[in-house]
N, C-alpha and C. Protein backbone atom coordinates (compact mmCIF):
# COMPACT_ATOMS: atom_id res chain seq x y z
N MET A 1 7.78 6.99 -15.68
CA MET A 1 7.78 7.63 -14.37
C MET A 1 6.35 7.99 -13.94
N PRO A 2 5.39 7.10 -14.12
CA PRO A 2 4.01 7.48 -13.82
C PRO A 2 3.77 7.67 -12.32
N ASP A 3 3.03 8.72 -12.02
CA ASP A 3 2.51 8.91 -10.68
C ASP A 3 1.38 7.90 -10.48
N VAL A 4 1.11 7.53 -9.24
CA VAL A 4 0.02 6.60 -8.96
C VAL A 4 -1.34 7.25 -9.24
N ARG A 5 -1.40 8.59 -9.14
CA ARG A 5 -2.69 9.27 -9.30
C ARG A 5 -3.29 8.97 -10.68
N GLY A 6 -4.57 8.64 -10.66
CA GLY A 6 -5.28 8.36 -11.90
C GLY A 6 -5.15 6.92 -12.38
N THR A 7 -4.41 6.08 -11.66
CA THR A 7 -4.24 4.68 -12.04
C THR A 7 -5.31 3.81 -11.40
N PRO A 8 -5.50 2.58 -11.90
CA PRO A 8 -6.45 1.67 -11.25
C PRO A 8 -6.12 1.42 -9.78
N PHE A 9 -4.82 1.37 -9.44
CA PHE A 9 -4.48 1.13 -8.04
C PHE A 9 -4.99 2.26 -7.17
N GLU A 10 -4.79 3.50 -7.59
CA GLU A 10 -5.25 4.61 -6.76
C GLU A 10 -6.77 4.61 -6.66
N ALA A 11 -7.45 4.32 -7.77
CA ALA A 11 -8.92 4.30 -7.75
C ALA A 11 -9.43 3.23 -6.79
N CYS A 12 -8.82 2.04 -6.84
CA CYS A 12 -9.24 0.95 -5.95
C CYS A 12 -8.92 1.29 -4.50
N ALA A 13 -7.73 1.83 -4.25
CA ALA A 13 -7.34 2.17 -2.89
C ALA A 13 -8.24 3.26 -2.32
N ARG A 14 -8.56 4.24 -3.13
CA ARG A 14 -9.42 5.34 -2.68
C ARG A 14 -10.82 4.83 -2.34
N ALA A 15 -11.33 3.92 -3.16
CA ALA A 15 -12.67 3.38 -2.92
C ALA A 15 -12.68 2.46 -1.71
N GLN A 16 -11.62 1.69 -1.53
CA GLN A 16 -11.54 0.71 -0.45
C GLN A 16 -11.19 1.35 0.88
N ARG A 17 -10.39 2.44 0.84
CA ARG A 17 -9.97 3.21 2.00
C ARG A 17 -8.89 2.54 2.84
N LEU A 18 -9.02 1.25 3.08
CA LEU A 18 -8.02 0.49 3.83
C LEU A 18 -7.36 -0.52 2.90
N VAL A 19 -6.05 -0.47 2.79
CA VAL A 19 -5.32 -1.38 1.92
C VAL A 19 -4.53 -2.37 2.77
N PRO A 20 -4.85 -3.66 2.72
CA PRO A 20 -4.09 -4.64 3.50
C PRO A 20 -2.65 -4.74 3.01
N VAL A 21 -1.72 -4.74 3.96
CA VAL A 21 -0.31 -4.99 3.64
C VAL A 21 0.01 -6.40 4.11
N LEU A 22 0.39 -7.26 3.18
CA LEU A 22 0.56 -8.68 3.46
C LEU A 22 2.03 -9.07 3.47
N THR A 23 2.37 -9.94 4.41
CA THR A 23 3.68 -10.58 4.43
C THR A 23 3.46 -12.07 4.36
N ILE A 24 3.93 -12.70 3.30
CA ILE A 24 3.67 -14.12 3.06
C ILE A 24 4.99 -14.87 3.09
N GLY A 25 5.09 -15.84 3.99
CA GLY A 25 6.31 -16.61 4.10
C GLY A 25 6.23 -17.98 3.46
N ASP A 26 5.01 -18.49 3.29
CA ASP A 26 4.81 -19.86 2.80
C ASP A 26 3.92 -19.81 1.57
N ALA A 27 4.36 -20.40 0.49
CA ALA A 27 3.58 -20.39 -0.75
C ALA A 27 2.21 -21.03 -0.58
N ASP A 28 2.09 -21.97 0.37
CA ASP A 28 0.83 -22.68 0.55
C ASP A 28 -0.29 -21.80 1.07
N ILE A 29 0.05 -20.65 1.66
CA ILE A 29 -1.00 -19.81 2.23
C ILE A 29 -1.47 -18.73 1.25
N VAL A 30 -0.82 -18.61 0.11
CA VAL A 30 -1.18 -17.55 -0.82
C VAL A 30 -2.64 -17.66 -1.24
N ALA A 31 -3.05 -18.83 -1.71
CA ALA A 31 -4.42 -18.99 -2.21
C ALA A 31 -5.47 -18.81 -1.12
N PRO A 32 -5.37 -19.51 0.03
CA PRO A 32 -6.41 -19.32 1.04
C PRO A 32 -6.46 -17.91 1.62
N LEU A 33 -5.30 -17.27 1.76
CA LEU A 33 -5.30 -15.90 2.28
C LEU A 33 -6.00 -14.96 1.31
N MET A 34 -5.67 -15.05 0.04
CA MET A 34 -6.30 -14.17 -0.93
C MET A 34 -7.78 -14.48 -1.09
N ASP A 35 -8.14 -15.76 -1.03
CA ASP A 35 -9.57 -16.12 -1.07
C ASP A 35 -10.32 -15.47 0.08
N ALA A 36 -9.70 -15.47 1.27
CA ALA A 36 -10.33 -14.89 2.46
C ALA A 36 -10.52 -13.39 2.30
N LEU A 37 -9.53 -12.71 1.75
CA LEU A 37 -9.63 -11.26 1.59
C LEU A 37 -10.60 -10.88 0.48
N VAL A 38 -10.56 -11.60 -0.62
CA VAL A 38 -11.49 -11.31 -1.72
C VAL A 38 -12.93 -11.55 -1.27
N ALA A 39 -13.15 -12.57 -0.43
CA ALA A 39 -14.49 -12.84 0.09
C ALA A 39 -15.00 -11.68 0.93
N ALA A 40 -14.09 -10.91 1.51
CA ALA A 40 -14.47 -9.76 2.33
C ALA A 40 -14.74 -8.52 1.49
N GLY A 41 -14.44 -8.58 0.19
CA GLY A 41 -14.64 -7.43 -0.68
C GLY A 41 -13.38 -6.67 -1.01
N ILE A 42 -12.23 -7.23 -0.66
CA ILE A 42 -10.95 -6.58 -0.95
C ILE A 42 -10.65 -6.64 -2.45
N VAL A 43 -10.28 -5.50 -3.02
CA VAL A 43 -9.93 -5.45 -4.44
C VAL A 43 -8.53 -4.89 -4.66
N CYS A 44 -7.86 -4.54 -3.55
CA CYS A 44 -6.55 -3.88 -3.65
C CYS A 44 -5.71 -4.29 -2.45
N VAL A 45 -4.50 -4.79 -2.67
CA VAL A 45 -3.61 -5.19 -1.58
C VAL A 45 -2.19 -4.75 -1.89
N GLU A 46 -1.38 -4.71 -0.84
CA GLU A 46 0.07 -4.54 -1.00
C GLU A 46 0.74 -5.80 -0.46
N LEU A 47 1.70 -6.30 -1.19
CA LEU A 47 2.45 -7.48 -0.78
C LEU A 47 3.91 -7.09 -0.55
N ALA A 48 4.39 -7.33 0.67
CA ALA A 48 5.79 -7.03 0.99
C ALA A 48 6.70 -7.82 0.06
N LEU A 49 7.57 -7.11 -0.65
CA LEU A 49 8.47 -7.76 -1.59
C LEU A 49 9.90 -7.57 -1.10
N ARG A 50 10.43 -8.64 -0.49
CA ARG A 50 11.78 -8.59 0.07
C ARG A 50 12.78 -9.37 -0.77
N ASP A 51 12.30 -10.41 -1.44
CA ASP A 51 13.20 -11.28 -2.19
C ASP A 51 12.43 -11.93 -3.34
N GLN A 52 13.10 -12.84 -4.05
CA GLN A 52 12.50 -13.46 -5.21
C GLN A 52 11.30 -14.32 -4.83
N GLU A 53 11.34 -14.93 -3.66
CA GLU A 53 10.20 -15.74 -3.22
C GLU A 53 8.93 -14.88 -3.11
N ASP A 54 9.08 -13.69 -2.56
CA ASP A 54 7.94 -12.78 -2.49
C ASP A 54 7.46 -12.39 -3.88
N ALA A 55 8.39 -12.18 -4.79
CA ALA A 55 8.01 -11.86 -6.17
C ALA A 55 7.23 -13.01 -6.80
N ASP A 56 7.63 -14.23 -6.47
CA ASP A 56 6.90 -15.40 -6.97
C ASP A 56 5.48 -15.42 -6.41
N HIS A 57 5.33 -15.08 -5.12
CA HIS A 57 4.00 -15.02 -4.52
C HIS A 57 3.14 -13.97 -5.23
N LEU A 58 3.75 -12.84 -5.53
CA LEU A 58 3.02 -11.77 -6.21
C LEU A 58 2.54 -12.24 -7.58
N GLN A 59 3.38 -12.94 -8.28
CA GLN A 59 3.00 -13.45 -9.60
C GLN A 59 1.85 -14.43 -9.49
N VAL A 60 1.86 -15.28 -8.47
CA VAL A 60 0.76 -16.24 -8.26
C VAL A 60 -0.55 -15.50 -8.02
N ILE A 61 -0.49 -14.45 -7.20
CA ILE A 61 -1.70 -13.67 -6.92
C ILE A 61 -2.21 -13.02 -8.20
N ARG A 62 -1.33 -12.45 -8.99
CA ARG A 62 -1.74 -11.80 -10.23
C ARG A 62 -2.37 -12.81 -11.20
N ASP A 63 -1.82 -14.01 -11.23
CA ASP A 63 -2.36 -15.04 -12.12
C ASP A 63 -3.72 -15.54 -11.65
N ARG A 64 -3.87 -15.70 -10.33
CA ARG A 64 -5.10 -16.25 -9.77
C ARG A 64 -6.22 -15.21 -9.73
N PHE A 65 -5.85 -13.95 -9.49
CA PHE A 65 -6.84 -12.88 -9.38
C PHE A 65 -6.42 -11.74 -10.33
N PRO A 66 -6.63 -11.91 -11.62
CA PRO A 66 -6.15 -10.92 -12.59
C PRO A 66 -6.78 -9.54 -12.45
N ASP A 67 -7.95 -9.47 -11.82
CA ASP A 67 -8.62 -8.17 -11.66
C ASP A 67 -8.23 -7.46 -10.37
N LEU A 68 -7.47 -8.14 -9.52
CA LEU A 68 -7.04 -7.56 -8.24
C LEU A 68 -5.86 -6.61 -8.46
N CYS A 69 -5.88 -5.46 -7.81
CA CYS A 69 -4.73 -4.55 -7.85
C CYS A 69 -3.75 -4.99 -6.77
N VAL A 70 -2.54 -5.33 -7.17
CA VAL A 70 -1.53 -5.84 -6.24
C VAL A 70 -0.27 -4.99 -6.35
N ALA A 71 0.04 -4.26 -5.28
CA ALA A 71 1.25 -3.44 -5.26
C ALA A 71 2.39 -4.21 -4.62
N ALA A 72 3.58 -4.05 -5.17
CA ALA A 72 4.78 -4.55 -4.53
C ALA A 72 5.18 -3.54 -3.47
N SER A 73 5.16 -3.95 -2.21
CA SER A 73 5.33 -3.02 -1.09
C SER A 73 6.73 -3.11 -0.48
N GLY A 74 7.22 -1.98 0.02
CA GLY A 74 8.49 -1.98 0.73
C GLY A 74 9.71 -2.07 -0.15
N VAL A 75 9.57 -1.66 -1.40
CA VAL A 75 10.69 -1.76 -2.36
C VAL A 75 11.71 -0.66 -2.07
N VAL A 76 12.96 -1.07 -1.81
CA VAL A 76 14.02 -0.10 -1.49
C VAL A 76 15.27 -0.27 -2.35
N THR A 77 15.35 -1.33 -3.15
CA THR A 77 16.53 -1.56 -3.98
C THR A 77 16.14 -1.73 -5.44
N ALA A 78 17.12 -1.55 -6.32
CA ALA A 78 16.89 -1.74 -7.75
C ALA A 78 16.52 -3.19 -8.05
N ALA A 79 17.13 -4.13 -7.34
CA ALA A 79 16.83 -5.54 -7.56
C ALA A 79 15.38 -5.85 -7.21
N GLN A 80 14.90 -5.31 -6.10
CA GLN A 80 13.50 -5.50 -5.73
C GLN A 80 12.58 -4.86 -6.77
N TRP A 81 12.96 -3.69 -7.24
CA TRP A 81 12.17 -3.01 -8.27
C TRP A 81 12.04 -3.89 -9.51
N ASP A 82 13.15 -4.43 -9.97
CA ASP A 82 13.13 -5.26 -11.17
C ASP A 82 12.29 -6.51 -10.96
N ALA A 83 12.35 -7.08 -9.75
CA ALA A 83 11.55 -8.26 -9.44
C ALA A 83 10.06 -7.93 -9.46
N ALA A 84 9.70 -6.75 -8.98
CA ALA A 84 8.30 -6.32 -8.99
C ALA A 84 7.79 -6.16 -10.41
N VAL A 85 8.62 -5.57 -11.27
CA VAL A 85 8.24 -5.40 -12.67
C VAL A 85 8.05 -6.76 -13.33
N ALA A 86 8.98 -7.68 -13.10
CA ALA A 86 8.90 -9.00 -13.71
C ALA A 86 7.69 -9.78 -13.22
N ALA A 87 7.25 -9.52 -11.99
CA ALA A 87 6.11 -10.24 -11.42
C ALA A 87 4.77 -9.60 -11.79
N ALA A 88 4.80 -8.56 -12.61
CA ALA A 88 3.59 -7.89 -13.09
C ALA A 88 2.82 -7.19 -11.98
N ALA A 89 3.55 -6.57 -11.05
CA ALA A 89 2.89 -5.79 -10.00
C ALA A 89 2.07 -4.66 -10.62
N SER A 90 0.96 -4.31 -9.95
CA SER A 90 0.13 -3.21 -10.44
C SER A 90 0.84 -1.88 -10.26
N CYS A 91 1.60 -1.77 -9.19
CA CYS A 91 2.41 -0.58 -8.93
C CYS A 91 3.44 -0.94 -7.87
N ILE A 92 4.30 0.02 -7.55
CA ILE A 92 5.35 -0.18 -6.55
C ILE A 92 5.19 0.87 -5.47
N THR A 93 5.32 0.45 -4.21
CA THR A 93 5.32 1.40 -3.10
C THR A 93 6.63 1.24 -2.33
N SER A 94 7.13 2.35 -1.82
CA SER A 94 8.40 2.35 -1.11
C SER A 94 8.30 3.16 0.17
N PRO A 95 9.05 2.77 1.20
CA PRO A 95 9.09 3.56 2.42
C PRO A 95 10.04 4.75 2.31
N VAL A 96 10.81 4.78 1.22
CA VAL A 96 11.81 5.84 1.00
C VAL A 96 11.70 6.32 -0.45
N ALA A 97 12.47 7.35 -0.76
CA ALA A 97 12.56 7.84 -2.14
C ALA A 97 14.01 8.25 -2.39
N THR A 98 14.84 7.26 -2.66
CA THR A 98 16.27 7.50 -2.85
C THR A 98 16.57 7.90 -4.30
N PRO A 99 17.75 8.49 -4.54
CA PRO A 99 18.12 8.81 -5.92
C PRO A 99 18.08 7.58 -6.83
N ALA A 100 18.48 6.42 -6.30
CA ALA A 100 18.47 5.20 -7.12
C ALA A 100 17.05 4.81 -7.51
N LEU A 101 16.09 4.99 -6.59
CA LEU A 101 14.71 4.66 -6.91
C LEU A 101 14.11 5.66 -7.89
N TYR A 102 14.42 6.94 -7.71
CA TYR A 102 13.96 7.93 -8.69
C TYR A 102 14.49 7.59 -10.08
N GLU A 103 15.74 7.16 -10.13
CA GLU A 103 16.34 6.80 -11.42
C GLU A 103 15.63 5.60 -12.02
N ARG A 104 15.34 4.60 -11.19
CA ARG A 104 14.64 3.41 -11.69
C ARG A 104 13.25 3.78 -12.19
N ALA A 105 12.57 4.62 -11.42
CA ALA A 105 11.21 5.01 -11.78
C ALA A 105 11.18 5.74 -13.12
N ALA A 106 12.22 6.52 -13.39
CA ALA A 106 12.27 7.28 -14.64
C ALA A 106 12.40 6.37 -15.86
N LEU A 107 12.84 5.14 -15.63
CA LEU A 107 13.05 4.20 -16.73
C LEU A 107 11.93 3.18 -16.86
N THR A 108 10.91 3.29 -16.01
CA THR A 108 9.87 2.27 -15.92
C THR A 108 8.50 2.89 -16.09
N ALA A 109 7.61 2.15 -16.73
CA ALA A 109 6.24 2.63 -16.91
C ALA A 109 5.34 2.29 -15.72
N LEU A 110 5.89 1.54 -14.76
CA LEU A 110 5.07 1.11 -13.62
C LEU A 110 4.86 2.26 -12.64
N PRO A 111 3.62 2.52 -12.22
CA PRO A 111 3.37 3.60 -11.25
C PRO A 111 4.10 3.36 -9.94
N TRP A 112 4.52 4.44 -9.30
CA TRP A 112 5.31 4.35 -8.07
C TRP A 112 4.74 5.29 -7.02
N LEU A 113 4.70 4.79 -5.79
CA LEU A 113 4.30 5.57 -4.62
C LEU A 113 5.55 5.79 -3.77
N PRO A 114 6.26 6.91 -3.94
CA PRO A 114 7.50 7.13 -3.20
C PRO A 114 7.25 7.45 -1.73
N GLY A 115 8.16 7.00 -0.88
CA GLY A 115 8.01 7.23 0.56
C GLY A 115 8.58 8.56 0.99
N VAL A 116 7.81 9.28 1.80
CA VAL A 116 8.24 10.58 2.31
C VAL A 116 7.88 10.70 3.78
N GLN A 117 8.56 11.62 4.48
CA GLN A 117 8.27 11.89 5.88
C GLN A 117 8.41 13.37 6.20
N THR A 118 9.40 14.01 5.60
CA THR A 118 9.72 15.40 5.93
C THR A 118 9.22 16.36 4.85
N PRO A 119 9.11 17.65 5.18
CA PRO A 119 8.74 18.62 4.15
C PRO A 119 9.67 18.61 2.94
N SER A 120 10.96 18.46 3.18
CA SER A 120 11.92 18.45 2.07
C SER A 120 11.69 17.25 1.16
N GLU A 121 11.40 16.09 1.75
CA GLU A 121 11.15 14.89 0.95
C GLU A 121 9.86 15.03 0.15
N ILE A 122 8.83 15.61 0.76
CA ILE A 122 7.57 15.84 0.04
C ILE A 122 7.80 16.79 -1.13
N ALA A 123 8.52 17.87 -0.87
CA ALA A 123 8.79 18.85 -1.93
C ALA A 123 9.58 18.22 -3.08
N ALA A 124 10.55 17.37 -2.74
CA ALA A 124 11.36 16.72 -3.78
C ALA A 124 10.50 15.79 -4.63
N ALA A 125 9.60 15.05 -3.99
CA ALA A 125 8.72 14.14 -4.73
C ALA A 125 7.79 14.91 -5.65
N LEU A 126 7.24 16.00 -5.15
CA LEU A 126 6.36 16.82 -5.98
C LEU A 126 7.12 17.41 -7.17
N GLU A 127 8.34 17.86 -6.91
CA GLU A 127 9.16 18.42 -7.98
C GLU A 127 9.47 17.39 -9.05
N ALA A 128 9.57 16.12 -8.63
CA ALA A 128 9.85 15.04 -9.57
C ALA A 128 8.60 14.58 -10.32
N GLY A 129 7.45 15.13 -9.96
CA GLY A 129 6.22 14.80 -10.69
C GLY A 129 5.29 13.85 -9.99
N TYR A 130 5.56 13.52 -8.73
CA TYR A 130 4.72 12.59 -7.98
C TYR A 130 3.77 13.35 -7.08
N ARG A 131 2.48 13.01 -7.17
CA ARG A 131 1.46 13.72 -6.40
C ARG A 131 0.83 12.85 -5.31
N THR A 132 0.90 11.54 -5.47
CA THR A 132 0.39 10.62 -4.45
C THR A 132 1.58 9.94 -3.80
N LEU A 133 1.68 10.07 -2.47
CA LEU A 133 2.91 9.70 -1.77
C LEU A 133 2.63 8.76 -0.60
N ARG A 134 3.62 7.93 -0.29
CA ARG A 134 3.58 7.07 0.89
C ARG A 134 4.13 7.84 2.08
N PHE A 135 3.29 8.13 3.07
CA PHE A 135 3.74 8.80 4.29
C PHE A 135 4.19 7.73 5.27
N PHE A 136 5.52 7.64 5.49
CA PHE A 136 6.08 6.54 6.28
C PHE A 136 7.29 7.03 7.08
N PRO A 137 7.42 6.55 8.33
CA PRO A 137 6.40 5.80 9.08
C PRO A 137 5.34 6.75 9.63
N ALA A 138 4.10 6.38 9.47
CA ALA A 138 3.01 7.26 9.89
C ALA A 138 3.05 7.55 11.38
N LEU A 139 3.53 6.56 12.14
CA LEU A 139 3.58 6.71 13.60
C LEU A 139 4.46 7.88 14.01
N SER A 140 5.45 8.22 13.19
CA SER A 140 6.33 9.35 13.48
C SER A 140 5.63 10.63 13.04
N GLY A 141 5.08 11.32 13.98
CA GLY A 141 4.30 12.51 13.65
C GLY A 141 2.82 12.26 13.74
N GLY A 142 2.40 11.06 13.33
CA GLY A 142 1.00 10.68 13.45
C GLY A 142 0.08 11.51 12.57
N ALA A 143 -1.22 11.30 12.78
CA ALA A 143 -2.22 12.03 12.00
C ALA A 143 -2.12 13.53 12.25
N ARG A 144 -1.75 13.90 13.46
CA ARG A 144 -1.62 15.32 13.79
C ARG A 144 -0.50 15.96 12.97
N GLY A 145 0.62 15.24 12.85
CA GLY A 145 1.72 15.76 12.05
C GLY A 145 1.36 15.90 10.59
N LEU A 146 0.66 14.90 10.05
CA LEU A 146 0.26 14.95 8.65
C LEU A 146 -0.77 16.06 8.43
N ARG A 147 -1.63 16.27 9.41
CA ARG A 147 -2.60 17.36 9.31
C ARG A 147 -1.88 18.72 9.21
N THR A 148 -0.76 18.84 9.89
CA THR A 148 0.01 20.08 9.84
C THR A 148 0.76 20.23 8.52
N LEU A 149 1.29 19.12 8.00
CA LEU A 149 2.07 19.16 6.77
C LEU A 149 1.21 19.38 5.52
N SER A 150 0.07 18.73 5.46
CA SER A 150 -0.68 18.67 4.20
C SER A 150 -1.11 20.03 3.65
N PRO A 151 -1.50 21.02 4.47
CA PRO A 151 -1.87 22.31 3.88
C PRO A 151 -0.71 23.02 3.19
N VAL A 152 0.51 22.69 3.59
CA VAL A 152 1.69 23.30 2.95
C VAL A 152 1.86 22.78 1.52
N PHE A 153 1.34 21.57 1.28
CA PHE A 153 1.46 20.93 -0.04
C PHE A 153 0.07 20.51 -0.51
N PRO A 154 -0.77 21.46 -0.90
CA PRO A 154 -2.17 21.16 -1.20
C PRO A 154 -2.36 20.21 -2.37
N GLU A 155 -1.35 20.11 -3.25
CA GLU A 155 -1.49 19.23 -4.40
C GLU A 155 -1.16 17.78 -4.06
N ALA A 156 -0.59 17.52 -2.90
CA ALA A 156 -0.16 16.17 -2.53
C ALA A 156 -1.31 15.38 -1.91
N ARG A 157 -1.33 14.08 -2.20
CA ARG A 157 -2.23 13.14 -1.54
C ARG A 157 -1.37 12.03 -0.94
N PHE A 158 -1.83 11.47 0.16
CA PHE A 158 -1.00 10.55 0.93
C PHE A 158 -1.70 9.21 1.18
N VAL A 159 -0.87 8.16 1.22
CA VAL A 159 -1.31 6.83 1.67
C VAL A 159 -0.39 6.47 2.83
N PRO A 160 -0.77 6.82 4.06
CA PRO A 160 0.09 6.56 5.22
C PRO A 160 0.23 5.07 5.51
N MET A 161 1.35 4.72 6.12
CA MET A 161 1.61 3.34 6.54
C MET A 161 2.64 3.36 7.65
N GLY A 162 2.52 2.39 8.56
CA GLY A 162 3.52 2.24 9.60
C GLY A 162 3.02 2.62 10.97
N GLY A 163 2.66 1.61 11.78
CA GLY A 163 2.18 1.87 13.13
C GLY A 163 0.72 2.25 13.22
N ILE A 164 -0.04 2.04 12.15
CA ILE A 164 -1.46 2.39 12.15
C ILE A 164 -2.28 1.15 12.51
N ASP A 165 -3.16 1.30 13.50
CA ASP A 165 -4.00 0.17 13.91
C ASP A 165 -5.47 0.58 13.85
N ALA A 166 -6.33 -0.34 14.32
CA ALA A 166 -7.78 -0.11 14.25
C ALA A 166 -8.21 1.09 15.08
N GLU A 167 -7.41 1.47 16.06
CA GLU A 167 -7.76 2.62 16.90
C GLU A 167 -7.36 3.95 16.26
N SER A 168 -6.49 3.90 15.27
CA SER A 168 -5.97 5.17 14.73
C SER A 168 -6.26 5.40 13.25
N TRP A 169 -6.67 4.38 12.50
CA TRP A 169 -6.77 4.61 11.06
C TRP A 169 -7.86 5.62 10.70
N GLN A 170 -8.92 5.71 11.52
CA GLN A 170 -9.94 6.71 11.21
C GLN A 170 -9.40 8.13 11.34
N ASP A 171 -8.41 8.33 12.22
CA ASP A 171 -7.81 9.66 12.36
C ASP A 171 -7.15 10.10 11.05
N TYR A 172 -6.53 9.14 10.37
CA TYR A 172 -5.89 9.45 9.09
C TYR A 172 -6.92 9.61 7.98
N LEU A 173 -7.90 8.72 7.96
CA LEU A 173 -8.90 8.77 6.89
C LEU A 173 -9.76 10.02 6.96
N ALA A 174 -9.79 10.66 8.12
CA ALA A 174 -10.56 11.90 8.27
C ALA A 174 -9.86 13.09 7.63
N LEU A 175 -8.59 12.93 7.27
CA LEU A 175 -7.82 14.03 6.68
C LEU A 175 -8.11 14.12 5.17
N PRO A 176 -8.46 15.29 4.66
CA PRO A 176 -8.76 15.43 3.23
C PRO A 176 -7.61 15.02 2.31
N ALA A 177 -6.38 15.15 2.78
CA ALA A 177 -5.23 14.82 1.94
C ALA A 177 -4.93 13.33 1.88
N VAL A 178 -5.63 12.54 2.68
CA VAL A 178 -5.39 11.09 2.72
C VAL A 178 -6.42 10.38 1.84
N CYS A 179 -5.93 9.63 0.85
CA CYS A 179 -6.86 8.91 -0.02
C CYS A 179 -7.07 7.48 0.43
N ALA A 180 -6.14 6.92 1.20
CA ALA A 180 -6.27 5.57 1.74
C ALA A 180 -5.19 5.37 2.79
N VAL A 181 -5.34 4.30 3.57
CA VAL A 181 -4.37 3.96 4.61
C VAL A 181 -3.95 2.51 4.41
N ALA A 182 -2.65 2.24 4.46
CA ALA A 182 -2.12 0.88 4.32
C ALA A 182 -1.87 0.30 5.70
N VAL A 183 -2.46 -0.88 5.97
CA VAL A 183 -2.40 -1.46 7.31
C VAL A 183 -2.14 -2.96 7.25
N THR A 184 -1.54 -3.47 8.31
CA THR A 184 -1.35 -4.91 8.45
C THR A 184 -2.48 -5.55 9.25
N ALA A 185 -3.32 -4.73 9.88
CA ALA A 185 -4.31 -5.24 10.83
C ALA A 185 -5.42 -6.05 10.18
N LEU A 186 -5.61 -5.94 8.86
CA LEU A 186 -6.68 -6.71 8.22
C LEU A 186 -6.29 -8.18 8.05
N ALA A 187 -5.01 -8.45 8.02
CA ALA A 187 -4.53 -9.84 7.92
C ALA A 187 -3.32 -9.98 8.83
N PRO A 188 -3.54 -9.94 10.15
CA PRO A 188 -2.43 -10.00 11.10
C PRO A 188 -1.60 -11.27 10.92
N PRO A 189 -0.28 -11.17 11.01
CA PRO A 189 0.57 -12.35 10.84
C PRO A 189 0.17 -13.53 11.73
N ALA A 190 -0.31 -13.25 12.95
CA ALA A 190 -0.69 -14.34 13.85
C ALA A 190 -1.86 -15.13 13.29
N LEU A 191 -2.84 -14.45 12.70
CA LEU A 191 -3.99 -15.15 12.11
C LEU A 191 -3.59 -15.87 10.83
N VAL A 192 -2.72 -15.26 10.06
CA VAL A 192 -2.25 -15.89 8.83
C VAL A 192 -1.47 -17.16 9.15
N ALA A 193 -0.60 -17.09 10.16
CA ALA A 193 0.24 -18.23 10.52
C ALA A 193 -0.57 -19.42 10.99
N THR A 194 -1.72 -19.15 11.60
CA THR A 194 -2.57 -20.23 12.13
C THR A 194 -3.74 -20.56 11.21
N GLY A 195 -3.76 -19.96 10.04
CA GLY A 195 -4.78 -20.32 9.05
C GLY A 195 -6.20 -19.96 9.43
N GLN A 196 -6.37 -18.86 10.14
CA GLN A 196 -7.72 -18.47 10.55
C GLN A 196 -8.37 -17.60 9.46
N TRP A 197 -8.68 -18.26 8.36
CA TRP A 197 -9.15 -17.53 7.18
C TRP A 197 -10.52 -16.89 7.38
N SER A 198 -11.43 -17.59 8.04
CA SER A 198 -12.76 -17.01 8.25
C SER A 198 -12.69 -15.79 9.15
N GLU A 199 -11.78 -15.80 10.12
CA GLU A 199 -11.63 -14.65 11.00
C GLU A 199 -11.02 -13.47 10.23
N ILE A 200 -10.11 -13.75 9.32
CA ILE A 200 -9.54 -12.70 8.49
C ILE A 200 -10.63 -12.08 7.61
N THR A 201 -11.48 -12.93 7.03
CA THR A 201 -12.60 -12.42 6.23
C THR A 201 -13.51 -11.54 7.08
N ARG A 202 -13.82 -12.01 8.28
CA ARG A 202 -14.72 -11.26 9.16
C ARG A 202 -14.12 -9.90 9.51
N ARG A 203 -12.86 -9.90 9.90
CA ARG A 203 -12.21 -8.64 10.29
C ARG A 203 -12.13 -7.66 9.13
N ALA A 204 -11.75 -8.17 7.98
CA ALA A 204 -11.61 -7.30 6.82
C ALA A 204 -12.95 -6.72 6.40
N ARG A 205 -13.98 -7.57 6.37
CA ARG A 205 -15.31 -7.08 5.99
C ARG A 205 -15.81 -6.05 6.98
N SER A 206 -15.62 -6.31 8.26
CA SER A 206 -16.08 -5.38 9.30
C SER A 206 -15.37 -4.04 9.17
N ALA A 207 -14.06 -4.08 8.91
CA ALA A 207 -13.30 -2.83 8.78
C ALA A 207 -13.74 -2.03 7.56
N LEU A 208 -13.96 -2.71 6.44
CA LEU A 208 -14.40 -2.01 5.24
C LEU A 208 -15.77 -1.39 5.44
N GLU A 209 -16.66 -2.11 6.11
CA GLU A 209 -18.00 -1.58 6.37
C GLU A 209 -17.93 -0.36 7.29
N ALA A 210 -17.06 -0.42 8.29
CA ALA A 210 -16.93 0.72 9.21
C ALA A 210 -16.41 1.95 8.48
N CYS A 211 -15.44 1.75 7.59
CA CYS A 211 -14.90 2.87 6.83
C CYS A 211 -15.94 3.45 5.88
N SER A 212 -16.75 2.57 5.30
CA SER A 212 -17.80 3.02 4.39
C SER A 212 -18.83 3.87 5.13
N GLU A 213 -19.15 3.47 6.35
CA GLU A 213 -20.13 4.21 7.14
C GLU A 213 -19.60 5.58 7.55
N GLU A 214 -18.27 5.66 7.76
CA GLU A 214 -17.67 6.92 8.20
C GLU A 214 -17.44 7.88 7.04
N ALA A 215 -17.38 7.34 5.82
CA ALA A 215 -17.05 8.17 4.65
C ALA A 215 -18.14 9.21 4.37
């Protein structure tokens, strides 16, 4: 039942500040997409894990880039959890924190980032031993809402996701309780679908540099 805090994934995410959330539909794009992101300096990503095909993509990434931290993202079922474990994910992130997921986490050594939104959900996660949490959907309440919530739970750290774009991620990163932000904007599906790898590298590098300057 490890918390993400203190793990390589948290260290990489905290240093990188922006964590790309990837959705991969075609196995042929795995290598060029990851090459493009690694060229930009990316060391930590989340891969949406919906089915076994996604788990296969995650395994390919882990094999090709063994030093890259790769989280299985969007895990909401026990079957997805088991697929993430089998694919050697660095950790698991979820938009929710159901009793079934808490039960799975208690039986697994893989770090987990449980999803929370309300004060009660945050309190339950903290009581269960989790200190680093997925704030989802971030758009509900926004940075202002998280700014209000975080002082109530000073021991909690958050990785927001959901509805965050280039115009808003700095608002979240400015919050002391936020260690990183998970976004799709570094590898937009439209650019991935059309194979614009150099543009993905450019965007990702520019975003990381901007975050570094603001830190």
